[in-house]
Structure formats: structure tokens, C-alpha cells
Amino acid sequence: MSETLLFLTDFFRIDIFVGFGFYSIIYFSLRLLLKNETFITEFDESAVQTVVYGGVIWLCLWVIETFVYYYGLENEIEKNGYYEYLTGKYSYGIWTQSIFWFLLTQLYRIKIIRRFLIFRIIISLFFTITYERFVIIVTSLHKDYLPSNWTMGYNFTLTPYWIFLGWISKILIFILLVMLYHFVIRKIKNALQQNV
């Protein structure tokens, strides 16, 4: 169960929150090109709501994942080590990063941030760098030290082809989820209006 929760939290963080930044580029391009903006604007409102509510779901999943992982540990030594990891000297990095990511998703409630592409892209980029990666990059550059291997734990070489495929997949996954959310909410609103 812990692996499933880890997959879901990573899916929300990487595919939905980062995908929203790539989707935003397409949204602003279409808004400039098309005359009829009503459907695009409504769809974008659903996209923003998906990210905002997705942030709440992500935080809940992350908290549940933390407890499930702790109670899934088999012996007391591992439990004490994990407890120390969550409450010890450097635990602020774990808690701050998660709360920071949650607050980033909630920033989309502010109208000025929703309206400008640059804010959307900058916020989406914050989801790609974890504190661990940030520390690796900073310590690698400290005192002009340049390592010979910049893979940061990856076993494959990133080519422009793979990067492009990753972007396209994130955009498509995000758009499919927003379409599902958009049309389900529309059906619910129509059903409620017919009952009134």
C-alpha cells in the first residue's frame, strides 16, 4: 500500500502540477489565437480548480503515506530511525518541502497569479526540484567543484527526444484529467439545476 501511495503522490506532483505549467503555455497561446474564448476560459477555470483541489488531495495522501510507511516498518530499530528522520535535527526539510508544495498549489486561488503565464510556469518549476536535488546541485557547485557525472541518480541519458516525450505526456495526462473533471462538474451542475 505504501508503494501505491508513493506512486499517487508522485503522480500528482509530477504529472499534474508540472503538467499544469506546460498546459498553461498551450492555454495562453490558444487564447491569443482563437476568437471565441468562452470555452477555453471555462476549461482553464477547471484546470486551476484541478490543481487547487489536487494540492489538497496530494497533502492528504502524503500524510497518509507517511503514517502507512511508519506502521509498515517491521522492527523497532527501523521505526525509531524513521521517527528520528521525521522529528530530528533536519526534519524541517521534509515538512517544509511538503507544506511548501501544498501552499504553491493554493497560490492559484489568487487571481493575479492565475492570469499571468510567468507565474504559472515559475510555480510549476518549483515542483520539479526537491530539496535533496537542490542540496546536491548547491554542494556540487560549492567552491567551484564540478563533478564529472551530473546524472543525480538517473541511470539513463536524457536526450531531447525523451525530454520532449516527457513534456507531451505530462500535457496529455493533465488535459485528460481536466477534461474528466470539467465534464463531471458540468454534469453535476446541470443535474442540480434540473432538480431545482
N, C-alpha and C. Protein backbone atom coordinates (compact mmCIF):
# COMPACT_ATOMS: atom_id res chain seq x y z
N MET A 1 0.82 -1.20 0.00
CA MET A 1 0.00 0.00 0.00
C MET A 1 0.87 1.26 0.00
N SER A 2 1.99 1.18 0.68
CA SER A 2 2.89 2.32 0.73
C SER A 2 3.40 2.69 -0.66
N GLU A 3 3.69 1.67 -1.50
CA GLU A 3 4.16 1.93 -2.86
C GLU A 3 3.08 2.61 -3.69
N THR A 4 1.83 2.20 -3.49
CA THR A 4 0.72 2.82 -4.23
C THR A 4 0.56 4.28 -3.84
N LEU A 5 0.63 4.57 -2.56
CA LEU A 5 0.53 5.96 -2.10
C LEU A 5 1.70 6.80 -2.60
N LEU A 6 2.90 6.21 -2.61
CA LEU A 6 4.06 6.92 -3.15
C LEU A 6 3.88 7.21 -4.63
N PHE A 7 3.35 6.24 -5.38
CA PHE A 7 3.08 6.46 -6.81
C PHE A 7 2.07 7.58 -6.99
N LEU A 8 1.00 7.59 -6.19
CA LEU A 8 -0.04 8.61 -6.34
C LEU A 8 0.49 10.00 -5.99
N THR A 9 1.27 10.11 -4.92
CA THR A 9 1.81 11.43 -4.58
C THR A 9 2.77 11.93 -5.65
N ASP A 10 3.60 11.04 -6.19
CA ASP A 10 4.49 11.44 -7.28
C ASP A 10 3.71 11.78 -8.54
N PHE A 11 2.63 11.04 -8.80
CA PHE A 11 1.79 11.33 -9.96
C PHE A 11 1.19 12.72 -9.85
N PHE A 12 0.66 13.06 -8.70
CA PHE A 12 0.09 14.40 -8.51
C PHE A 12 1.17 15.45 -8.68
N ARG A 13 2.31 15.27 -8.02
CA ARG A 13 3.36 16.29 -8.03
C ARG A 13 3.96 16.47 -9.41
N ILE A 14 4.27 15.37 -10.08
CA ILE A 14 5.00 15.47 -11.34
C ILE A 14 4.05 15.63 -12.53
N ASP A 15 3.07 14.76 -12.64
CA ASP A 15 2.23 14.77 -13.83
C ASP A 15 1.15 15.85 -13.80
N ILE A 16 0.60 16.14 -12.65
CA ILE A 16 -0.48 17.13 -12.60
C ILE A 16 0.08 18.53 -12.38
N PHE A 17 0.88 18.71 -11.33
CA PHE A 17 1.34 20.06 -11.01
C PHE A 17 2.34 20.60 -12.04
N VAL A 18 3.27 19.76 -12.49
CA VAL A 18 4.21 20.19 -13.52
C VAL A 18 3.49 20.26 -14.88
N GLY A 19 2.59 19.31 -15.11
CA GLY A 19 1.82 19.33 -16.35
C GLY A 19 0.99 20.59 -16.50
N PHE A 20 0.55 21.16 -15.39
CA PHE A 20 -0.20 22.40 -15.44
C PHE A 20 0.63 23.54 -16.01
N GLY A 21 1.91 23.57 -15.71
CA GLY A 21 2.79 24.61 -16.27
C GLY A 21 2.91 24.49 -17.77
N PHE A 22 3.07 23.25 -18.27
CA PHE A 22 3.14 23.05 -19.72
C PHE A 22 1.79 23.33 -20.38
N TYR A 23 0.70 22.92 -19.73
CA TYR A 23 -0.64 23.21 -20.25
C TYR A 23 -0.85 24.72 -20.35
N SER A 24 -0.33 25.47 -19.37
CA SER A 24 -0.52 26.92 -19.35
C SER A 24 0.05 27.58 -20.59
N ILE A 25 1.17 27.07 -21.09
CA ILE A 25 1.76 27.62 -22.32
C ILE A 25 0.78 27.44 -23.48
N ILE A 26 0.19 26.27 -23.57
CA ILE A 26 -0.79 26.00 -24.64
C ILE A 26 -2.02 26.87 -24.46
N TYR A 27 -2.49 27.00 -23.22
CA TYR A 27 -3.68 27.80 -22.95
C TYR A 27 -3.48 29.25 -23.37
N PHE A 28 -2.38 29.86 -22.98
CA PHE A 28 -2.15 31.26 -23.33
C PHE A 28 -1.95 31.43 -24.84
N SER A 29 -1.36 30.45 -25.50
CA SER A 29 -1.21 30.51 -26.96
C SER A 29 -2.56 30.44 -27.65
N LEU A 30 -3.42 29.52 -27.21
CA LEU A 30 -4.75 29.39 -27.80
C LEU A 30 -5.61 30.62 -27.52
N ARG A 31 -5.46 31.20 -26.36
CA ARG A 31 -6.24 32.39 -26.02
C ARG A 31 -5.89 33.56 -26.94
N LEU A 32 -4.63 33.63 -27.37
CA LEU A 32 -4.24 34.69 -28.30
C LEU A 32 -4.73 34.42 -29.71
N LEU A 33 -4.79 33.15 -30.10
CA LEU A 33 -5.12 32.80 -31.48
C LEU A 33 -6.61 32.71 -31.75
N LEU A 34 -7.39 32.24 -30.80
CA LEU A 34 -8.81 32.00 -31.04
C LEU A 34 -9.66 33.20 -30.65
N LYS A 35 -10.74 33.37 -31.40
CA LYS A 35 -11.65 34.49 -31.14
C LYS A 35 -12.60 34.17 -30.00
N ASN A 36 -13.17 32.95 -30.01
CA ASN A 36 -14.14 32.56 -29.00
C ASN A 36 -13.41 31.98 -27.80
N GLU A 37 -13.33 32.77 -26.73
CA GLU A 37 -12.57 32.36 -25.57
C GLU A 37 -13.41 31.72 -24.48
N THR A 38 -14.72 31.67 -24.62
CA THR A 38 -15.55 31.25 -23.50
C THR A 38 -15.26 29.82 -23.08
N PHE A 39 -15.19 28.89 -24.04
CA PHE A 39 -14.92 27.50 -23.68
C PHE A 39 -13.52 27.36 -23.10
N ILE A 40 -12.55 28.05 -23.71
CA ILE A 40 -11.17 27.96 -23.24
C ILE A 40 -11.05 28.53 -21.83
N THR A 41 -11.73 29.63 -21.55
CA THR A 41 -11.68 30.24 -20.23
C THR A 41 -12.34 29.34 -19.20
N GLU A 42 -13.49 28.74 -19.53
CA GLU A 42 -14.14 27.81 -18.62
C GLU A 42 -13.27 26.59 -18.36
N PHE A 43 -12.64 26.09 -19.42
CA PHE A 43 -11.77 24.94 -19.27
C PHE A 43 -10.57 25.28 -18.39
N ASP A 44 -10.04 26.49 -18.54
CA ASP A 44 -8.91 26.90 -17.72
C ASP A 44 -9.32 27.03 -16.26
N GLU A 45 -10.53 27.51 -16.00
CA GLU A 45 -11.01 27.56 -14.61
C GLU A 45 -11.04 26.16 -14.02
N SER A 46 -11.48 25.20 -14.81
CA SER A 46 -11.48 23.81 -14.34
C SER A 46 -10.05 23.31 -14.11
N ALA A 47 -9.13 23.72 -14.97
CA ALA A 47 -7.72 23.32 -14.81
C ALA A 47 -7.15 23.88 -13.51
N VAL A 48 -7.45 25.13 -13.22
CA VAL A 48 -6.96 25.75 -11.98
C VAL A 48 -7.58 25.06 -10.78
N GLN A 49 -8.88 24.77 -10.84
CA GLN A 49 -9.54 24.07 -9.74
C GLN A 49 -8.96 22.67 -9.55
N THR A 50 -8.61 22.00 -10.65
CA THR A 50 -8.00 20.69 -10.57
C THR A 50 -6.69 20.75 -9.79
N VAL A 51 -5.88 21.77 -10.05
CA VAL A 51 -4.60 21.91 -9.36
C VAL A 51 -4.82 22.27 -7.89
N VAL A 52 -5.76 23.16 -7.62
CA VAL A 52 -6.01 23.58 -6.23
C VAL A 52 -6.52 22.40 -5.41
N TYR A 53 -7.54 21.71 -5.91
CA TYR A 53 -8.08 20.56 -5.18
C TYR A 53 -7.10 19.40 -5.19
N GLY A 54 -6.33 19.28 -6.27
CA GLY A 54 -5.29 18.26 -6.33
C GLY A 54 -4.23 18.48 -5.26
N GLY A 55 -3.94 19.74 -4.94
CA GLY A 55 -2.99 20.04 -3.87
C GLY A 55 -3.48 19.56 -2.51
N VAL A 56 -4.77 19.73 -2.27
CA VAL A 56 -5.36 19.25 -1.01
C VAL A 56 -5.29 17.72 -0.95
N ILE A 57 -5.67 17.08 -2.07
CA ILE A 57 -5.62 15.61 -2.13
C ILE A 57 -4.18 15.13 -1.97
N TRP A 58 -3.23 15.82 -2.63
CA TRP A 58 -1.84 15.43 -2.53
C TRP A 58 -1.35 15.48 -1.08
N LEU A 59 -1.68 16.56 -0.36
CA LEU A 59 -1.24 16.69 1.03
C LEU A 59 -1.83 15.58 1.89
N CYS A 60 -3.10 15.28 1.70
CA CYS A 60 -3.73 14.19 2.46
C CYS A 60 -3.05 12.86 2.16
N LEU A 61 -2.79 12.59 0.88
CA LEU A 61 -2.11 11.35 0.51
C LEU A 61 -0.70 11.28 1.10
N TRP A 62 0.00 12.40 1.11
CA TRP A 62 1.35 12.42 1.66
C TRP A 62 1.35 12.12 3.16
N VAL A 63 0.41 12.70 3.89
CA VAL A 63 0.32 12.44 5.34
C VAL A 63 -0.03 10.97 5.58
N ILE A 64 -1.00 10.45 4.82
CA ILE A 64 -1.37 9.04 4.96
C ILE A 64 -0.19 8.15 4.61
N GLU A 65 0.52 8.48 3.55
CA GLU A 65 1.69 7.69 3.14
C GLU A 65 2.75 7.67 4.24
N THR A 66 2.96 8.79 4.91
CA THR A 66 3.94 8.86 5.99
C THR A 66 3.59 7.90 7.12
N PHE A 67 2.32 7.92 7.53
CA PHE A 67 1.89 7.02 8.60
C PHE A 67 1.88 5.56 8.18
N VAL A 68 1.44 5.28 6.96
CA VAL A 68 1.41 3.90 6.47
C VAL A 68 2.82 3.34 6.39
N TYR A 69 3.75 4.15 5.93
CA TYR A 69 5.14 3.69 5.84
C TYR A 69 5.69 3.40 7.24
N TYR A 70 5.41 4.29 8.18
CA TYR A 70 5.90 4.10 9.55
C TYR A 70 5.35 2.81 10.16
N TYR A 71 4.05 2.61 10.04
CA TYR A 71 3.45 1.42 10.64
C TYR A 71 3.74 0.15 9.84
N GLY A 72 4.24 0.30 8.63
CA GLY A 72 4.63 -0.86 7.83
C GLY A 72 6.03 -1.35 8.12
N LEU A 73 6.81 -0.57 8.85
CA LEU A 73 8.16 -1.00 9.21
C LEU A 73 8.08 -2.17 10.18
N GLU A 74 9.02 -3.09 10.02
CA GLU A 74 8.90 -4.36 10.73
C GLU A 74 9.49 -4.36 12.13
N ASN A 75 10.59 -3.68 12.36
CA ASN A 75 11.19 -3.75 13.69
C ASN A 75 11.31 -2.36 14.31
N GLU A 76 11.58 -2.34 15.59
CA GLU A 76 11.62 -1.09 16.35
C GLU A 76 12.80 -0.21 15.94
N ILE A 77 13.89 -0.81 15.52
CA ILE A 77 15.05 -0.01 15.10
C ILE A 77 14.71 0.83 13.88
N GLU A 78 14.04 0.22 12.89
CA GLU A 78 13.62 0.96 11.69
C GLU A 78 12.58 2.02 12.06
N LYS A 79 11.65 1.69 12.94
CA LYS A 79 10.63 2.67 13.35
C LYS A 79 11.27 3.85 14.07
N ASN A 80 12.24 3.57 14.95
CA ASN A 80 12.93 4.65 15.66
C ASN A 80 13.73 5.52 14.69
N GLY A 81 14.37 4.88 13.70
CA GLY A 81 15.12 5.64 12.70
C GLY A 81 14.22 6.53 11.86
N TYR A 82 13.06 6.00 11.46
CA TYR A 82 12.13 6.80 10.67
C TYR A 82 11.52 7.92 11.51
N TYR A 83 11.23 7.62 12.77
CA TYR A 83 10.71 8.65 13.67
C TYR A 83 11.73 9.78 13.83
N GLU A 84 12.99 9.40 13.99
CA GLU A 84 14.07 10.40 14.09
C GLU A 84 14.17 11.21 12.79
N TYR A 85 13.98 10.53 11.66
CA TYR A 85 14.00 11.20 10.35
C TYR A 85 12.90 12.25 10.26
N LEU A 86 11.73 11.95 10.83
CA LEU A 86 10.59 12.87 10.75
C LEU A 86 10.61 13.96 11.82
N THR A 87 11.34 13.71 12.92
CA THR A 87 11.31 14.67 14.02
C THR A 87 12.69 15.16 14.45
N GLY A 88 13.72 14.71 13.77
CA GLY A 88 15.08 15.02 14.19
C GLY A 88 15.56 16.40 13.79
N LYS A 89 16.86 16.53 13.80
CA LYS A 89 17.52 17.82 13.57
C LYS A 89 17.21 18.40 12.19
N TYR A 90 17.18 17.55 11.17
CA TYR A 90 16.97 18.02 9.80
C TYR A 90 15.56 17.71 9.28
N SER A 91 14.64 17.48 10.17
CA SER A 91 13.28 17.14 9.76
C SER A 91 12.56 18.32 9.11
N TYR A 92 13.02 19.52 9.36
CA TYR A 92 12.38 20.69 8.75
C TYR A 92 12.38 20.59 7.23
N GLY A 93 13.39 19.93 6.67
CA GLY A 93 13.45 19.78 5.21
C GLY A 93 12.30 18.95 4.67
N ILE A 94 11.93 17.91 5.38
CA ILE A 94 10.83 17.05 4.94
C ILE A 94 9.51 17.78 5.05
N TRP A 95 9.26 18.37 6.22
CA TRP A 95 7.98 19.03 6.45
C TRP A 95 7.85 20.32 5.65
N THR A 96 8.92 21.09 5.57
CA THR A 96 8.87 22.36 4.84
C THR A 96 8.62 22.13 3.37
N GLN A 97 9.28 21.14 2.79
CA GLN A 97 9.09 20.88 1.36
C GLN A 97 7.65 20.51 1.06
N SER A 98 7.05 19.66 1.86
CA SER A 98 5.68 19.23 1.61
C SER A 98 4.69 20.37 1.81
N ILE A 99 4.87 21.13 2.87
CA ILE A 99 3.98 22.27 3.11
C ILE A 99 4.18 23.33 2.03
N PHE A 100 5.42 23.52 1.59
CA PHE A 100 5.72 24.47 0.52
C PHE A 100 5.00 24.07 -0.77
N TRP A 101 5.07 22.78 -1.13
CA TRP A 101 4.38 22.34 -2.34
C TRP A 101 2.86 22.50 -2.22
N PHE A 102 2.32 22.21 -1.06
CA PHE A 102 0.89 22.40 -0.85
C PHE A 102 0.51 23.87 -1.00
N LEU A 103 1.28 24.76 -0.38
CA LEU A 103 0.99 26.19 -0.48
C LEU A 103 1.14 26.70 -1.91
N LEU A 104 2.07 26.12 -2.67
CA LEU A 104 2.19 26.52 -4.07
C LEU A 104 0.91 26.22 -4.85
N THR A 105 0.31 25.07 -4.60
CA THR A 105 -0.94 24.76 -5.31
C THR A 105 -2.05 25.70 -4.90
N GLN A 106 -2.03 26.16 -3.67
CA GLN A 106 -3.09 27.05 -3.20
C GLN A 106 -2.89 28.49 -3.67
N LEU A 107 -1.69 28.82 -4.15
CA LEU A 107 -1.46 30.16 -4.70
C LEU A 107 -2.32 30.42 -5.93
N TYR A 108 -2.75 29.36 -6.61
CA TYR A 108 -3.58 29.54 -7.80
C TYR A 108 -4.97 30.07 -7.47
N ARG A 109 -5.31 30.14 -6.22
CA ARG A 109 -6.58 30.75 -5.82
C ARG A 109 -6.53 32.28 -6.01
N ILE A 110 -5.33 32.83 -6.03
CA ILE A 110 -5.15 34.27 -6.20
C ILE A 110 -5.27 34.60 -7.69
N LYS A 111 -6.15 35.54 -7.99
CA LYS A 111 -6.49 35.84 -9.38
C LYS A 111 -5.31 36.34 -10.20
N ILE A 112 -4.46 37.16 -9.63
CA ILE A 112 -3.33 37.71 -10.39
C ILE A 112 -2.34 36.62 -10.78
N ILE A 113 -2.17 35.62 -9.94
CA ILE A 113 -1.26 34.52 -10.26
C ILE A 113 -1.86 33.65 -11.35
N ARG A 114 -3.18 33.47 -11.32
CA ARG A 114 -3.85 32.68 -12.37
C ARG A 114 -3.77 33.35 -13.73
N ARG A 115 -3.76 34.67 -13.76
CA ARG A 115 -3.88 35.39 -15.02
C ARG A 115 -2.59 35.50 -15.83
N PHE A 116 -1.42 35.32 -15.21
CA PHE A 116 -0.16 35.53 -15.91
C PHE A 116 0.61 34.23 -16.08
N LEU A 117 1.07 34.02 -17.30
CA LEU A 117 1.78 32.79 -17.66
C LEU A 117 3.07 32.62 -16.87
N ILE A 118 3.81 33.70 -16.65
CA ILE A 118 5.10 33.59 -16.00
C ILE A 118 4.96 33.04 -14.58
N PHE A 119 3.92 33.46 -13.85
CA PHE A 119 3.71 32.94 -12.50
C PHE A 119 3.40 31.45 -12.54
N ARG A 120 2.58 31.04 -13.50
CA ARG A 120 2.21 29.62 -13.62
C ARG A 120 3.43 28.75 -13.90
N ILE A 121 4.29 29.21 -14.78
CA ILE A 121 5.47 28.42 -15.14
C ILE A 121 6.46 28.37 -13.97
N ILE A 122 6.69 29.49 -13.31
CA ILE A 122 7.63 29.51 -12.19
C ILE A 122 7.15 28.59 -11.08
N ILE A 123 5.86 28.65 -10.75
CA ILE A 123 5.33 27.78 -9.70
C ILE A 123 5.45 26.32 -10.10
N SER A 124 5.18 26.00 -11.36
CA SER A 124 5.28 24.61 -11.82
C SER A 124 6.71 24.10 -11.76
N LEU A 125 7.68 24.97 -12.02
CA LEU A 125 9.08 24.55 -11.96
C LEU A 125 9.52 24.20 -10.55
N PHE A 126 8.90 24.83 -9.54
CA PHE A 126 9.25 24.51 -8.15
C PHE A 126 8.92 23.05 -7.79
N PHE A 127 8.01 22.43 -8.53
CA PHE A 127 7.65 21.04 -8.23
C PHE A 127 8.67 20.06 -8.80
N THR A 128 9.53 20.50 -9.69
CA THR A 128 10.49 19.57 -10.30
C THR A 128 11.75 19.41 -9.46
N ILE A 129 12.05 20.38 -8.61
CA ILE A 129 13.27 20.32 -7.82
C ILE A 129 12.91 20.01 -6.37
N THR A 130 13.39 18.89 -5.86
CA THR A 130 13.21 18.57 -4.46
C THR A 130 14.35 19.20 -3.67
N TYR A 131 14.21 19.24 -2.37
CA TYR A 131 15.29 19.79 -1.54
C TYR A 131 16.55 18.96 -1.66
N GLU A 132 16.40 17.64 -1.83
CA GLU A 132 17.58 16.79 -1.98
C GLU A 132 18.35 17.15 -3.25
N ARG A 133 17.64 17.34 -4.35
CA ARG A 133 18.30 17.72 -5.60
C ARG A 133 18.95 19.10 -5.47
N PHE A 134 18.26 20.01 -4.79
CA PHE A 134 18.79 21.35 -4.59
C PHE A 134 20.11 21.29 -3.81
N VAL A 135 20.14 20.48 -2.75
CA VAL A 135 21.36 20.34 -1.95
C VAL A 135 22.48 19.73 -2.78
N ILE A 136 22.14 18.73 -3.61
CA ILE A 136 23.16 18.12 -4.48
C ILE A 136 23.75 19.15 -5.43
N ILE A 137 22.90 19.95 -6.05
CA ILE A 137 23.37 20.96 -7.00
C ILE A 137 24.22 22.01 -6.30
N VAL A 138 23.75 22.50 -5.15
CA VAL A 138 24.48 23.55 -4.44
C VAL A 138 25.83 23.04 -3.94
N THR A 139 25.85 21.84 -3.37
CA THR A 139 27.13 21.32 -2.88
C THR A 139 28.07 20.94 -4.01
N SER A 140 27.51 20.59 -5.17
CA SER A 140 28.36 20.29 -6.31
C SER A 140 29.05 21.55 -6.84
N LEU A 141 28.37 22.66 -6.75
CA LEU A 141 28.94 23.91 -7.25
C LEU A 141 29.74 24.66 -6.19
N HIS A 142 29.68 24.20 -4.96
CA HIS A 142 30.38 24.87 -3.87
C HIS A 142 31.90 24.84 -4.11
N LYS A 143 32.50 25.99 -3.99
CA LYS A 143 33.96 26.16 -4.17
C LYS A 143 34.43 25.63 -5.52
N ASP A 144 33.65 25.92 -6.55
CA ASP A 144 34.00 25.59 -7.94
C ASP A 144 34.23 24.10 -8.17
N TYR A 145 33.61 23.26 -7.41
CA TYR A 145 33.74 21.82 -7.63
C TYR A 145 32.71 21.40 -8.68
N LEU A 146 33.17 20.87 -9.77
CA LEU A 146 32.29 20.39 -10.82
C LEU A 146 32.47 18.89 -10.97
N PRO A 147 31.46 18.11 -10.64
CA PRO A 147 31.61 16.66 -10.75
C PRO A 147 31.62 16.21 -12.20
N SER A 148 32.20 15.04 -12.44
CA SER A 148 32.23 14.51 -13.80
C SER A 148 30.92 13.88 -14.19
N ASN A 149 30.07 13.61 -13.23
CA ASN A 149 28.80 12.94 -13.51
C ASN A 149 27.66 13.79 -12.96
N TRP A 150 26.83 14.31 -13.83
CA TRP A 150 25.71 15.16 -13.43
C TRP A 150 24.38 14.42 -13.49
N THR A 151 24.37 13.13 -13.40
CA THR A 151 23.13 12.38 -13.56
C THR A 151 22.23 12.45 -12.35
N MET A 152 22.74 12.71 -11.17
CA MET A 152 21.98 12.81 -9.93
C MET A 152 21.13 11.56 -9.68
N GLY A 153 21.68 10.41 -9.93
CA GLY A 153 20.99 9.18 -9.60
C GLY A 153 20.23 8.53 -10.74
N TYR A 154 20.20 9.13 -11.89
CA TYR A 154 19.49 8.54 -13.01
C TYR A 154 20.43 7.62 -13.78
N ASN A 155 19.90 6.50 -14.27
CA ASN A 155 20.71 5.53 -14.99
C ASN A 155 20.62 5.67 -16.50
N PHE A 156 19.94 6.66 -16.98
CA PHE A 156 19.83 6.82 -18.43
C PHE A 156 20.22 8.25 -18.80
N THR A 157 20.55 8.41 -20.06
CA THR A 157 20.94 9.71 -20.56
C THR A 157 19.71 10.43 -21.10
N LEU A 158 19.53 11.66 -20.69
CA LEU A 158 18.40 12.44 -21.18
C LEU A 158 18.75 13.03 -22.54
N THR A 159 17.96 12.67 -23.51
CA THR A 159 18.11 13.23 -24.84
C THR A 159 16.95 14.18 -25.08
N PRO A 160 17.08 15.07 -26.05
CA PRO A 160 15.96 15.97 -26.35
C PRO A 160 14.69 15.20 -26.70
N TYR A 161 14.83 14.05 -27.31
CA TYR A 161 13.67 13.23 -27.67
C TYR A 161 12.91 12.80 -26.41
N TRP A 162 13.63 12.32 -25.39
CA TRP A 162 12.97 11.88 -24.15
C TRP A 162 12.37 13.06 -23.39
N ILE A 163 13.05 14.17 -23.40
CA ILE A 163 12.51 15.36 -22.73
C ILE A 163 11.22 15.81 -23.41
N PHE A 164 11.22 15.85 -24.74
CA PHE A 164 10.02 16.24 -25.48
C PHE A 164 8.87 15.26 -25.22
N LEU A 165 9.15 13.97 -25.22
CA LEU A 165 8.12 12.97 -24.93
C LEU A 165 7.57 13.13 -23.52
N GLY A 166 8.44 13.46 -22.58
CA GLY A 166 8.00 13.69 -21.20
C GLY A 166 7.06 14.88 -21.11
N TRP A 167 7.40 15.95 -21.80
CA TRP A 167 6.53 17.14 -21.80
C TRP A 167 5.18 16.82 -22.41
N ILE A 168 5.20 16.16 -23.55
CA ILE A 168 3.94 15.82 -24.23
C ILE A 168 3.08 14.92 -23.35
N SER A 169 3.70 13.92 -22.72
CA SER A 169 2.92 13.02 -21.88
C SER A 169 2.32 13.75 -20.69
N LYS A 170 3.06 14.68 -20.08
CA LYS A 170 2.53 15.44 -18.95
C LYS A 170 1.37 16.33 -19.39
N ILE A 171 1.49 16.95 -20.55
CA ILE A 171 0.42 17.80 -21.06
C ILE A 171 -0.83 16.97 -21.33
N LEU A 172 -0.67 15.84 -22.00
CA LEU A 172 -1.82 14.99 -22.32
C LEU A 172 -2.50 14.43 -21.08
N ILE A 173 -1.71 13.96 -20.13
CA ILE A 173 -2.30 13.43 -18.89
C ILE A 173 -3.06 14.53 -18.16
N PHE A 174 -2.47 15.71 -18.08
CA PHE A 174 -3.14 16.80 -17.38
C PHE A 174 -4.43 17.20 -18.10
N ILE A 175 -4.38 17.33 -19.42
CA ILE A 175 -5.57 17.73 -20.17
C ILE A 175 -6.68 16.68 -20.04
N LEU A 176 -6.32 15.40 -20.07
CA LEU A 176 -7.33 14.35 -19.90
C LEU A 176 -7.97 14.41 -18.52
N LEU A 177 -7.18 14.63 -17.49
CA LEU A 177 -7.75 14.74 -16.14
C LEU A 177 -8.65 15.97 -16.00
N VAL A 178 -8.23 17.08 -16.59
CA VAL A 178 -9.05 18.28 -16.51
C VAL A 178 -10.34 18.11 -17.31
N MET A 179 -10.26 17.45 -18.47
CA MET A 179 -11.48 17.19 -19.25
C MET A 179 -12.45 16.35 -18.43
N LEU A 180 -11.94 15.33 -17.78
CA LEU A 180 -12.79 14.50 -16.93
C LEU A 180 -13.41 15.33 -15.82
N TYR A 181 -12.61 16.11 -15.13
CA TYR A 181 -13.11 16.97 -14.06
C TYR A 181 -14.12 17.98 -14.59
N HIS A 182 -13.80 18.62 -15.71
CA HIS A 182 -14.65 19.66 -16.29
C HIS A 182 -16.03 19.12 -16.65
N PHE A 183 -16.06 18.00 -17.32
CA PHE A 183 -17.35 17.47 -17.78
C PHE A 183 -18.14 16.82 -16.65
N VAL A 184 -17.47 16.27 -15.65
CA VAL A 184 -18.19 15.72 -14.49
C VAL A 184 -18.82 16.86 -13.70
N ILE A 185 -18.09 17.93 -13.47
CA ILE A 185 -18.64 19.08 -12.75
C ILE A 185 -19.79 19.69 -13.52
N ARG A 186 -19.66 19.78 -14.84
CA ARG A 186 -20.74 20.33 -15.66
C ARG A 186 -22.00 19.47 -15.57
N LYS A 187 -21.83 18.14 -15.61
CA LYS A 187 -22.98 17.23 -15.49
C LYS A 187 -23.65 17.37 -14.13
N ILE A 188 -22.86 17.49 -13.08
CA ILE A 188 -23.42 17.65 -11.74
C ILE A 188 -24.20 18.96 -11.63
N LYS A 189 -23.64 20.05 -12.16
CA LYS A 189 -24.34 21.34 -12.13
C LYS A 189 -25.63 21.29 -12.91
N ASN A 190 -25.61 20.66 -14.08
CA ASN A 190 -26.84 20.53 -14.88
C ASN A 190 -27.89 19.70 -14.16
N ALA A 191 -27.46 18.62 -13.51
CA ALA A 191 -28.40 17.77 -12.78
C ALA A 191 -29.00 18.53 -11.60
N LEU A 192 -28.19 19.32 -10.90
CA LEU A 192 -28.71 20.10 -9.79
C LEU A 192 -29.67 21.19 -10.25
N GLN A 193 -29.41 21.81 -11.39
CA GLN A 193 -30.30 22.84 -11.91
C GLN A 193 -31.63 22.25 -12.37
N GLN A 194 -31.62 21.03 -12.89
CA GLN A 194 -32.86 20.40 -13.33
C GLN A 194 -33.71 19.96 -12.15
N ASN A 195 -33.10 19.65 -11.03
CA ASN A 195 -33.84 19.24 -9.84
C ASN A 195 -34.45 20.42 -9.11
N VAL A 196 -33.95 21.62 -9.37
CA VAL A 196 -34.47 22.81 -8.66
C VAL A 196 -35.70 23.34 -9.29
